[in-house]
PDB file of N, CA and C in Angstrom:
ATOM      1  N   MET A   1       0.819  -1.194   0.000  1.00  0.00           N
ATOM      2  CA  MET A   1       0.000   0.000   0.000  1.00  0.00           C
ATOM      3  C   MET A   1       0.860   1.254   0.000  1.00  0.00           C
ATOM      4  N   GLN A   2       1.965   1.207   0.734  1.00  0.00           N
ATOM      5  CA  GLN A   2       2.826   2.381   0.816  1.00  0.00           C
ATOM      6  C   GLN A   2       3.354   2.767  -0.568  1.00  0.00           C
ATOM      7  N   THR A   3       3.660   1.782  -1.404  1.00  0.00           N
ATOM      8  CA  THR A   3       4.163   2.064  -2.750  1.00  0.00           C
ATOM      9  C   THR A   3       3.101   2.778  -3.586  1.00  0.00           C
ATOM     10  N   LYS A   4       1.861   2.309  -3.522  1.00  0.00           N
ATOM     11  CA  LYS A   4       0.766   2.952  -4.266  1.00  0.00           C
ATOM     12  C   LYS A   4       0.530   4.379  -3.777  1.00  0.00           C
ATOM     13  N   ILE A   5       0.547   4.554  -2.474  1.00  0.00           N
ATOM     14  CA  ILE A   5       0.322   5.887  -1.901  1.00  0.00           C
ATOM     15  C   ILE A   5       1.435   6.839  -2.325  1.00  0.00           C
ATOM     16  N   THR A   6       2.673   6.374  -2.262  1.00  0.00           N
ATOM     17  CA  THR A   6       3.819   7.195  -2.677  1.00  0.00           C
ATOM     18  C   THR A   6       3.690   7.591  -4.140  1.00  0.00           C
ATOM     19  N   GLU A   7       3.327   6.646  -4.993  1.00  0.00           N
ATOM     20  CA  GLU A   7       3.143   6.931  -6.421  1.00  0.00           C
ATOM     21  C   GLU A   7       2.055   7.975  -6.636  1.00  0.00           C
ATOM     22  N   ALA A   8       0.944   7.839  -5.923  1.00  0.00           N
ATOM     23  CA  ALA A   8      -0.165   8.790  -6.060  1.00  0.00           C
ATOM     24  C   ALA A   8       0.241  10.184  -5.589  1.00  0.00           C
ATOM     25  N   ILE A   9       0.988  10.272  -4.501  1.00  0.00           N
ATOM     26  CA  ILE A   9       1.446  11.570  -4.003  1.00  0.00           C
ATOM     27  C   ILE A   9       2.343  12.234  -5.036  1.00  0.00           C
ATOM     28  N   ARG A  10       3.283  11.490  -5.569  1.00  0.00           N
ATOM     29  CA  ARG A  10       4.238  12.049  -6.538  1.00  0.00           C
ATOM     30  C   ARG A  10       3.569  12.482  -7.834  1.00  0.00           C
ATOM     31  N   ASN A  11       2.518  11.758  -8.251  1.00  0.00           N
ATOM     32  CA  ASN A  11       1.848  12.064  -9.516  1.00  0.00           C
ATOM     33  C   ASN A  11       0.561  12.868  -9.357  1.00  0.00           C
ATOM     34  N   ARG A  12       0.219  13.183  -8.105  1.00  0.00           N
ATOM     35  CA  ARG A  12      -1.003  13.936  -7.780  1.00  0.00           C
ATOM     36  C   ARG A  12      -2.284  13.247  -8.267  1.00  0.00           C
ATOM     37  N   ASN A  13      -2.300  11.934  -8.129  1.00  0.00           N
ATOM     38  CA  ASN A  13      -3.502  11.162  -8.433  1.00  0.00           C
ATOM     39  C   ASN A  13      -4.373  11.062  -7.194  1.00  0.00           C
ATOM     40  N   MET A  14      -5.668  11.102  -7.395  1.00  0.00           N
ATOM     41  CA  MET A  14      -6.615  10.865  -6.313  1.00  0.00           C
ATOM     42  C   MET A  14      -6.549   9.389  -5.938  1.00  0.00           C
ATOM     43  N   LEU A  15      -6.918   9.083  -4.692  1.00  0.00           N
ATOM     44  CA  LEU A  15      -6.961   7.710  -4.210  1.00  0.00           C
ATOM     45  C   LEU A  15      -8.356   7.357  -3.727  1.00  0.00           C
ATOM     46  N   GLN A  16      -8.742   6.113  -3.957  1.00  0.00           N
ATOM     47  CA  GLN A  16      -9.915   5.555  -3.287  1.00  0.00           C
ATOM     48  C   GLN A  16      -9.357   4.628  -2.222  1.00  0.00           C
ATOM     49  N   ILE A  17      -9.720   4.887  -0.980  1.00  0.00           N
ATOM     50  CA  ILE A  17      -9.159   4.161   0.158  1.00  0.00           C
ATOM     51  C   ILE A  17     -10.299   3.573   0.983  1.00  0.00           C
ATOM     52  N   VAL A  18     -10.142   2.321   1.365  1.00  0.00           N
ATOM     53  CA  VAL A  18     -11.042   1.725   2.349  1.00  0.00           C
ATOM     54  C   VAL A  18     -10.249   1.650   3.647  1.00  0.00           C
ATOM     55  N   CYS A  19     -10.721   2.403   4.642  1.00  0.00           N
ATOM     56  CA  CYS A  19     -10.037   2.508   5.926  1.00  0.00           C
ATOM     57  C   CYS A  19     -11.074   2.360   7.036  1.00  0.00           C
ATOM     58  N   LYS A  20     -10.870   1.393   7.903  1.00  0.00           N
ATOM     59  CA  LYS A  20     -11.821   1.093   8.984  1.00  0.00           C
ATOM     60  C   LYS A  20     -13.217   0.847   8.430  1.00  0.00           C
ATOM     61  N   GLY A  21     -13.287   0.240   7.247  1.00  0.00           N
ATOM     62  CA  GLY A  21     -14.569  -0.098   6.631  1.00  0.00           C
ATOM     63  C   GLY A  21     -15.235   1.029   5.871  1.00  0.00           C
ATOM     64  N   PHE A  22     -14.643   2.221   5.867  1.00  0.00           N
ATOM     65  CA  PHE A  22     -15.212   3.375   5.178  1.00  0.00           C
ATOM     66  C   PHE A  22     -14.485   3.601   3.856  1.00  0.00           C
ATOM     67  N   SER A  23     -15.245   3.766   2.780  1.00  0.00           N
ATOM     68  CA  SER A  23     -14.666   4.048   1.463  1.00  0.00           C
ATOM     69  C   SER A  23     -14.594   5.561   1.284  1.00  0.00           C
ATOM     70  N   ARG A  24     -13.395   6.043   0.962  1.00  0.00           N
ATOM     71  CA  ARG A  24     -13.156   7.487   0.866  1.00  0.00           C
ATOM     72  C   ARG A  24     -12.439   7.822  -0.433  1.00  0.00           C
ATOM     73  N   ILE A  25     -12.649   9.040  -0.926  1.00  0.00           N
ATOM     74  CA  ILE A  25     -11.877   9.580  -2.043  1.00  0.00           C
ATOM     75  C   ILE A  25     -11.014  10.696  -1.465  1.00  0.00           C
ATOM     76  N   VAL A  26      -9.690  10.581  -1.688  1.00  0.00           N
ATOM     77  CA  VAL A  26      -8.737  11.464  -1.007  1.00  0.00           C
ATOM     78  C   VAL A  26      -7.722  12.031  -1.987  1.00  0.00           C
ATOM     79  N   GLU A  27      -7.395  13.307  -1.808  1.00  0.00           N
ATOM     80  CA  GLU A  27      -6.225  13.911  -2.443  1.00  0.00           C
ATOM     81  C   GLU A  27      -5.063  13.620  -1.498  1.00  0.00           C
ATOM     82  N   PRO A  28      -4.145  12.716  -1.862  1.00  0.00           N
ATOM     83  CA  PRO A  28      -3.045  12.369  -0.953  1.00  0.00           C
ATOM     84  C   PRO A  28      -1.919  13.387  -1.041  1.00  0.00           C
ATOM     85  N   TYR A  29      -1.537  13.947   0.089  1.00  0.00           N
ATOM     86  CA  TYR A  29      -0.516  14.999   0.094  1.00  0.00           C
ATOM     87  C   TYR A  29       0.799  14.574   0.728  1.00  0.00           C
ATOM     88  N   LEU A  30       0.729  13.751   1.769  1.00  0.00           N
ATOM     89  CA  LEU A  30       1.937  13.517   2.547  1.00  0.00           C
ATOM     90  C   LEU A  30       1.852  12.174   3.262  1.00  0.00           C
ATOM     91  N   LEU A  31       2.951  11.439   3.242  1.00  0.00           N
ATOM     92  CA  LEU A  31       3.069  10.195   3.987  1.00  0.00           C
ATOM     93  C   LEU A  31       4.078  10.450   5.093  1.00  0.00           C
ATOM     94  N   TYR A  32       3.690  10.144   6.336  1.00  0.00           N
ATOM     95  CA  TYR A  32       4.590  10.430   7.450  1.00  0.00           C
ATOM     96  C   TYR A  32       4.528   9.350   8.525  1.00  0.00           C
ATOM     97  N   GLU A  33       5.551   9.372   9.373  1.00  0.00           N
ATOM     98  CA  GLU A  33       5.621   8.466  10.504  1.00  0.00           C
ATOM     99  C   GLU A  33       5.344   9.259  11.776  1.00  0.00           C
ATOM    100  N   SER A  34       4.511   8.696  12.643  1.00  0.00           N
ATOM    101  CA  SER A  34       4.215   9.346  13.927  1.00  0.00           C
ATOM    102  C   SER A  34       5.346   9.056  14.918  1.00  0.00           C
ATOM    103  N   LYS A  35       5.337   9.743  16.041  1.00  0.00           N
ATOM    104  CA  LYS A  35       6.337   9.500  17.091  1.00  0.00           C
ATOM    105  C   LYS A  35       6.283   8.057  17.582  1.00  0.00           C
ATOM    106  N   GLU A  36       5.095   7.451  17.490  1.00  0.00           N
ATOM    107  CA  GLU A  36       4.911   6.067  17.933  1.00  0.00           C
ATOM    108  C   GLU A  36       5.351   5.048  16.878  1.00  0.00           C
ATOM    109  N   GLY A  37       5.772   5.531  15.708  1.00  0.00           N
ATOM    110  CA  GLY A  37       6.237   4.635  14.648  1.00  0.00           C
ATOM    111  C   GLY A  37       5.165   4.183  13.677  1.00  0.00           C
ATOM    112  N   ARG A  38       3.984   4.773  13.744  1.00  0.00           N
ATOM    113  CA  ARG A  38       2.907   4.423  12.804  1.00  0.00           C
ATOM    114  C   ARG A  38       3.038   5.231  11.522  1.00  0.00           C
ATOM    115  N   MET A  39       2.723   4.601  10.398  1.00  0.00           N
ATOM    116  CA  MET A  39       2.727   5.289   9.110  1.00  0.00           C
ATOM    117  C   MET A  39       1.326   5.834   8.864  1.00  0.00           C
ATOM    118  N   LEU A  40       1.251   7.123   8.461  1.00  0.00           N
ATOM    119  CA  LEU A  40      -0.029   7.778   8.210  1.00  0.00           C
ATOM    120  C   LEU A  40      -0.015   8.523   6.885  1.00  0.00           C
ATOM    121  N   LEU A  41      -1.185   8.598   6.287  1.00  0.00           N
ATOM    122  CA  LEU A  41      -1.403   9.404   5.087  1.00  0.00           C
ATOM    123  C   LEU A  41      -2.149  10.660   5.496  1.00  0.00           C
ATOM    124  N   HIS A  42      -1.623  11.806   5.111  1.00  0.00           N
ATOM    125  CA  HIS A  42      -2.294  13.091   5.351  1.00  0.00           C
ATOM    126  C   HIS A  42      -2.867  13.543   4.016  1.00  0.00           C
ATOM    127  N   GLY A  43      -4.144  13.867   4.000  1.00  0.00           N
ATOM    128  CA  GLY A  43      -4.750  14.296   2.747  1.00  0.00           C
ATOM    129  C   GLY A  43      -6.045  15.052   2.957  1.00  0.00           C
ATOM    130  N   TRP A  44      -6.633  15.416   1.842  1.00  0.00           N
ATOM    131  CA  TRP A  44      -7.901  16.145   1.819  1.00  0.00           C
ATOM    132  C   TRP A  44      -8.954  15.192   1.269  1.00  0.00           C
ATOM    133  N   GLN A  45      -9.890  14.783   2.134  1.00  0.00           N
ATOM    134  CA  GLN A  45     -10.959  13.890   1.689  1.00  0.00           C
ATOM    135  C   GLN A  45     -12.019  14.711   0.980  1.00  0.00           C
ATOM    136  N   THR A  46     -12.270  14.395  -0.280  1.00  0.00           N
ATOM    137  CA  THR A  46     -13.222  15.157  -1.074  1.00  0.00           C
ATOM    138  C   THR A  46     -14.623  14.566  -1.056  1.00  0.00           C
ATOM    139  N   GLU A  47     -14.730  13.254  -0.874  1.00  0.00           N
ATOM    140  CA  GLU A  47     -16.044  12.609  -0.831  1.00  0.00           C
ATOM    141  C   GLU A  47     -15.917  11.230  -0.211  1.00  0.00           C
ATOM    142  N   GLY A  48     -17.059  10.616   0.002  1.00  0.00           N
ATOM    143  CA  GLY A  48     -17.076   9.264   0.547  1.00  0.00           C
ATOM    144  C   GLY A  48     -17.564   9.215   1.979  1.00  0.00           C
ATOM    145  N   GLU A  49     -17.387   8.032   2.563  1.00  0.00           N
ATOM    146  CA  GLU A  49     -17.854   7.786   3.924  1.00  0.00           C
ATOM    147  C   GLU A  49     -16.852   8.347   4.935  1.00  0.00           C
ATOM    148  N   TYR A  50     -17.291   8.472   6.155  1.00  0.00           N
ATOM    149  CA  TYR A  50     -16.432   9.034   7.187  1.00  0.00           C
ATOM    150  C   TYR A  50     -16.867   8.509   8.549  1.00  0.00           C
ATOM    151  N   ASP A  51     -15.946   8.619   9.529  1.00  0.00           N
ATOM    152  CA  ASP A  51     -16.304   8.189  10.874  1.00  0.00           C
ATOM    153  C   ASP A  51     -16.487   9.348  11.840  1.00  0.00           C
ATOM    154  N   LYS A  52     -15.895  10.518  11.558  1.00  0.00           N
ATOM    155  CA  LYS A  52     -16.026  11.658  12.477  1.00  0.00           C
ATOM    156  C   LYS A  52     -16.531  12.925  11.794  1.00  0.00           C
ATOM    157  N   THR A  53     -15.847  13.367  10.750  1.00  0.00           N
ATOM    158  CA  THR A  53     -16.168  14.642  10.112  1.00  0.00           C
ATOM    159  C   THR A  53     -16.512  14.426   8.647  1.00  0.00           C
ATOM    160  N   PRO A  54     -17.647  14.939   8.173  1.00  0.00           N
ATOM    161  CA  PRO A  54     -18.011  14.734   6.768  1.00  0.00           C
ATOM    162  C   PRO A  54     -17.084  15.504   5.828  1.00  0.00           C
ATOM    163  N   PRO A  55     -16.855  14.940   4.645  1.00  0.00           N
ATOM    164  CA  PRO A  55     -16.029  15.645   3.655  1.00  0.00           C
ATOM    165  C   PRO A  55     -16.795  16.811   3.046  1.00  0.00           C
ATOM    166  N   PRO A  56     -16.079  17.781   2.524  1.00  0.00           N
ATOM    167  CA  PRO A  56     -14.621  17.823   2.417  1.00  0.00           C
ATOM    168  C   PRO A  56     -13.979  18.234   3.738  1.00  0.00           C
ATOM    169  N   ASP A  57     -12.870  17.563   4.060  1.00  0.00           N
ATOM    170  CA  ASP A  57     -12.131  17.877   5.280  1.00  0.00           C
ATOM    171  C   ASP A  57     -10.797  17.131   5.266  1.00  0.00           C
ATOM    172  N   TRP A  58      -9.923  17.538   6.187  1.00  0.00           N
ATOM    173  CA  TRP A  58      -8.623  16.890   6.337  1.00  0.00           C
ATOM    174  C   TRP A  58      -8.804  15.494   6.900  1.00  0.00           C
ATOM    175  N   CYS A  59      -7.870  14.612   6.551  1.00  0.00           N
ATOM    176  CA  CYS A  59      -7.850  13.282   7.147  1.00  0.00           C
ATOM    177  C   CYS A  59      -6.406  12.836   7.339  1.00  0.00           C
ATOM    178  N   ASN A  60      -6.177  12.126   8.413  1.00  0.00           N
ATOM    179  CA  ASN A  60      -4.909  11.469   8.702  1.00  0.00           C
ATOM    180  C   ASN A  60      -5.249  10.004   8.935  1.00  0.00           C
ATOM    181  N   LEU A  61      -4.912   9.172   7.957  1.00  0.00           N
ATOM    182  CA  LEU A  61      -5.327   7.774   7.982  1.00  0.00           C
ATOM    183  C   LEU A  61      -4.125   6.869   8.201  1.00  0.00           C
ATOM    184  N   ARG A  62      -4.251   5.963   9.159  1.00  0.00           N
ATOM    185  CA  ARG A  62      -3.171   5.015   9.436  1.00  0.00           C
ATOM    186  C   ARG A  62      -3.161   3.921   8.375  1.00  0.00           C
ATOM    187  N   LEU A  63      -1.994   3.645   7.844  1.00  0.00           N
ATOM    188  CA  LEU A  63      -1.873   2.616   6.824  1.00  0.00           C
ATOM    189  C   LEU A  63      -2.314   1.259   7.359  1.00  0.00           C
ATOM    190  N   GLU A  64      -2.069   0.999   8.629  1.00  0.00           N
ATOM    191  CA  GLU A  64      -2.442  -0.282   9.222  1.00  0.00           C
ATOM    192  C   GLU A  64      -3.961  -0.487   9.260  1.00  0.00           C
ATOM    193  N   ASP A  65      -4.743   0.592   9.156  1.00  0.00           N
ATOM    194  CA  ASP A  65      -6.204   0.496   9.163  1.00  0.00           C
ATOM    195  C   ASP A  65      -6.785   0.363   7.754  1.00  0.00           C
ATOM    196  N   MET A  66      -5.945   0.476   6.734  1.00  0.00           N
ATOM    197  CA  MET A  66      -6.409   0.418   5.347  1.00  0.00           C
ATOM    198  C   MET A  66      -6.492  -1.024   4.866  1.00  0.00           C
ATOM    199  N   THR A  67      -7.593  -1.328   4.175  1.00  0.00           N
ATOM    200  CA  THR A  67      -7.739  -2.663   3.592  1.00  0.00           C
ATOM    201  C   THR A  67      -7.676  -2.631   2.074  1.00  0.00           C
ATOM    202  N   ALA A  68      -7.796  -1.439   1.473  1.00  0.00           N
ATOM    203  CA  ALA A  68      -7.690  -1.308   0.021  1.00  0.00           C
ATOM    204  C   ALA A  68      -7.273   0.115  -0.344  1.00  0.00           C
ATOM    205  N   VAL A  69      -6.402   0.204  -1.360  1.00  0.00           N
ATOM    206  CA  VAL A  69      -5.969   1.491  -1.906  1.00  0.00           C
ATOM    207  C   VAL A  69      -5.953   1.359  -3.422  1.00  0.00           C
ATOM    208  N   VAL A  70      -6.704   2.237  -4.106  1.00  0.00           N
ATOM    209  CA  VAL A  70      -6.764   2.222  -5.566  1.00  0.00           C
ATOM    210  C   VAL A  70      -6.365   3.603  -6.080  1.00  0.00           C
ATOM    211  N   ILE A  71      -5.377   3.626  -6.969  1.00  0.00           N
ATOM    212  CA  ILE A  71      -4.985   4.884  -7.604  1.00  0.00           C
ATOM    213  C   ILE A  71      -5.995   5.187  -8.703  1.00  0.00           C
ATOM    214  N   LEU A  72      -6.604   6.357  -8.645  1.00  0.00           N
ATOM    215  CA  LEU A  72      -7.597   6.767  -9.638  1.00  0.00           C
ATOM    216  C   LEU A  72      -6.927   7.546 -10.763  1.00  0.00           C
ATOM    217  N   ASP A  73      -7.558   7.567 -11.926  1.00  0.00           N
ATOM    218  CA  ASP A  73      -7.038   8.347 -13.057  1.00  0.00           C
ATOM    219  C   ASP A  73      -7.154   9.843 -12.797  1.00  0.00           C
ATOM    220  N   GLN A  74      -8.118  10.226 -11.977  1.00  0.00           N
ATOM    221  CA  GLN A  74      -8.357  11.641 -11.665  1.00  0.00           C
ATOM    222  C   GLN A  74      -7.173  12.230 -10.907  1.00  0.00           C
ATOM    223  N   LYS A  75      -6.756  13.424 -11.301  1.00  0.00           N
ATOM    224  CA  LYS A  75      -5.643  14.119 -10.653  1.00  0.00           C
ATOM    225  C   LYS A  75      -6.133  15.422 -10.026  1.00  0.00           C
ATOM    226  N   TYR A  76      -5.345  15.942  -9.094  1.00  0.00           N
ATOM    227  CA  TYR A  76      -5.608  17.268  -8.536  1.00  0.00           C
ATOM    228  C   TYR A  76      -4.461  18.181  -8.971  1.00  0.00           C
ATOM    229  N   GLN A  77      -4.786  19.457  -9.217  1.00  0.00           N
ATOM    230  CA  GLN A  77      -3.796  20.399  -9.737  1.00  0.00           C
ATOM    231  C   GLN A  77      -2.825  20.885  -8.678  1.00  0.00           C
ATOM    232  N   SER A  78      -3.357  21.287  -7.541  1.00  0.00           N
ATOM    233  CA  SER A  78      -2.511  21.768  -6.455  1.00  0.00           C
ATOM    234  C   SER A  78      -3.195  21.422  -5.134  1.00  0.00           C
ATOM    235  N   PRO A  79      -2.413  21.298  -4.062  1.00  0.00           N
ATOM    236  CA  PRO A  79      -3.001  20.955  -2.764  1.00  0.00           C
ATOM    237  C   PRO A  79      -3.925  22.050  -2.236  1.00  0.00           C
ATOM    238  N   HIS A  80      -4.751  21.657  -1.290  1.00  0.00           N
ATOM    239  CA  HIS A  80      -5.651  22.587  -0.600  1.00  0.00           C
ATOM    240  C   HIS A  80      -4.838  23.772  -0.077  1.00  0.00           C
ATOM    241  N   PRO A  81      -5.382  24.995  -0.127  1.00  0.00           N
ATOM    242  CA  PRO A  81      -4.624  26.187   0.290  1.00  0.00           C
ATOM    243  C   PRO A  81      -4.083  26.134   1.724  1.00  0.00           C
ATOM    244  N   GLU A  82      -4.721  25.390   2.613  1.00  0.00           N
ATOM    245  CA  GLU A  82      -4.263  25.315   4.003  1.00  0.00           C
ATOM    246  C   GLU A  82      -3.221  24.219   4.239  1.00  0.00           C
ATOM    247  N   TYR A  83      -2.858  23.487   3.204  1.00  0.00           N
ATOM    248  CA  TYR A  83      -1.876  22.406   3.328  1.00  0.00           C
ATOM    249  C   TYR A  83      -0.510  22.976   3.707  1.00  0.00           C
ATOM    250  N   ASN A  84       0.117  22.382   4.724  1.00  0.00           N
ATOM    251  CA  ASN A  84       1.422  22.837   5.178  1.00  0.00           C
ATOM    252  C   ASN A  84       2.326  21.629   5.427  1.00  0.00           C
ATOM    253  N   PRO A  85       3.162  21.266   4.452  1.00  0.00           N
ATOM    254  CA  PRO A  85       4.024  20.092   4.631  1.00  0.00           C
ATOM    255  C   PRO A  85       5.090  20.270   5.716  1.00  0.00           C
ATOM    256  N   LYS A  86       5.265  21.486   6.212  1.00  0.00           N
ATOM    257  CA  LYS A  86       6.270  21.743   7.256  1.00  0.00           C
ATOM    258  C   LYS A  86       5.668  21.788   8.659  1.00  0.00           C
ATOM    259  N   SER A  87       4.397  21.402   8.779  1.00  0.00           N
ATOM    260  CA  SER A  87       3.726  21.414  10.077  1.00  0.00           C
ATOM    261  C   SER A  87       4.460  20.524  11.071  1.00  0.00           C
ATOM    262  N   LYS A  88       4.481  20.941  12.316  1.00  0.00           N
ATOM    263  CA  LYS A  88       5.142  20.179  13.374  1.00  0.00           C
ATOM    264  C   LYS A  88       4.372  18.898  13.729  1.00  0.00           C
ATOM    265  N   MET A  89       3.136  18.768  13.227  1.00  0.00           N
ATOM    266  CA  MET A  89       2.374  17.546  13.506  1.00  0.00           C
ATOM    267  C   MET A  89       2.955  16.326  12.799  1.00  0.00           C
ATOM    268  N   PHE A  90       3.766  16.557  11.774  1.00  0.00           N
ATOM    269  CA  PHE A  90       4.374  15.459  11.026  1.00  0.00           C
ATOM    270  C   PHE A  90       5.745  15.159  11.630  1.00  0.00           C
ATOM    271  N   TYR A  91       5.855  14.035  12.326  1.00  0.00           N
ATOM    272  CA  TYR A  91       7.089  13.708  13.040  1.00  0.00           C
ATOM    273  C   TYR A  91       8.245  13.440  12.071  1.00  0.00           C
ATOM    274  N   ARG A  92       8.037  12.499  11.139  1.00  0.00           N
ATOM    275  CA  ARG A  92       9.064  12.200  10.140  1.00  0.00           C
ATOM    276  C   ARG A  92       8.380  12.042   8.786  1.00  0.00           C
ATOM    277  N   VAL A  93       8.614  12.985   7.894  1.00  0.00           N
ATOM    278  CA  VAL A  93       7.983  12.976   6.576  1.00  0.00           C
ATOM    279  C   VAL A  93       8.722  11.987   5.671  1.00  0.00           C
ATOM    280  N   ILE A  94       7.963  11.138   5.003  1.00  0.00           N
ATOM    281  CA  ILE A  94       8.520  10.143   4.082  1.00  0.00           C
ATOM    282  C   ILE A  94       8.495  10.692   2.652  1.00  0.00           C
ATOM    283  N   VAL A  95       7.338  11.163   2.218  1.00  0.00           N
ATOM    284  CA  VAL A  95       7.171  11.752   0.892  1.00  0.00           C
ATOM    285  C   VAL A  95       6.036  12.784   0.972  1.00  0.00           C
ATOM    286  N   PHE A  96       6.158  13.867   0.187  1.00  0.00           N
ATOM    287  CA  PHE A  96       5.125  14.896   0.251  1.00  0.00           C
ATOM    288  C   PHE A  96       4.937  15.548  -1.117  1.00  0.00           C
ATOM    289  N   THR A  97       3.768  16.155  -1.277  1.00  0.00           N
ATOM    290  CA  THR A  97       3.455  16.950  -2.456  1.00  0.00           C
ATOM    291  C   THR A  97       3.919  18.369  -2.199  1.00  0.00           C
ATOM    292  N   PRO A  98       4.737  18.939  -3.094  1.00  0.00           N
ATOM    293  CA  PRO A  98       5.120  20.338  -2.919  1.00  0.00           C
ATOM    294  C   PRO A  98       3.891  21.249  -3.035  1.00  0.00           C
ATOM    295  N   THR A  99       3.925  22.370  -2.374  1.00  0.00           N
ATOM    296  CA  THR A  99       2.824  23.331  -2.497  1.00  0.00           C
ATOM    297  C   THR A  99       2.901  23.978  -3.875  1.00  0.00           C
ATOM    298  N   GLY A 100       1.781  24.522  -4.312  1.00  0.00           N
ATOM    299  CA  GLY A 100       1.728  25.172  -5.624  1.00  0.00           C
ATOM    300  C   GLY A 100       1.331  24.208  -6.713  1.00  0.00           C
ATOM    301  N   PRO A 101       1.127  24.738  -7.926  1.00  0.00           N
ATOM    302  CA  PRO A 101       0.674  23.894  -9.043  1.00  0.00           C
ATOM    303  C   PRO A 101       1.728  22.935  -9.540  1.00  0.00           C
TER     304      PRO A 101
END
C-alpha cells in the first residue's frame, strides 16, 4: 500500500481508500511516521464515507487500518490552500506533495 500511496502523491492522483470499513476519495498529500512509529497518510478527503467529520475535510489515515488502496485516473492540480508540509504535527515525513501547481 505504501508504494501505491507514494506513487499517487508524486503524480497527484486521487486515491480511493477503504479505511476502517469506510470508502473514501482522497487527495493524498503527505506520507509520514508518527512518534509512535505508525505510518499515516495526510490528505484532503473530497467525498465518501467518514467516521467523524463529513467531507470535504482533512484526514490522517493510518496505513495499518487500510484494507484497500486504488490509484484513480483523476488528478488534482494543487493541494488545498491550508496544506502545510512543514507542520510540526508530522514527526518524520517520508514523501510529500510540494505546495503550488
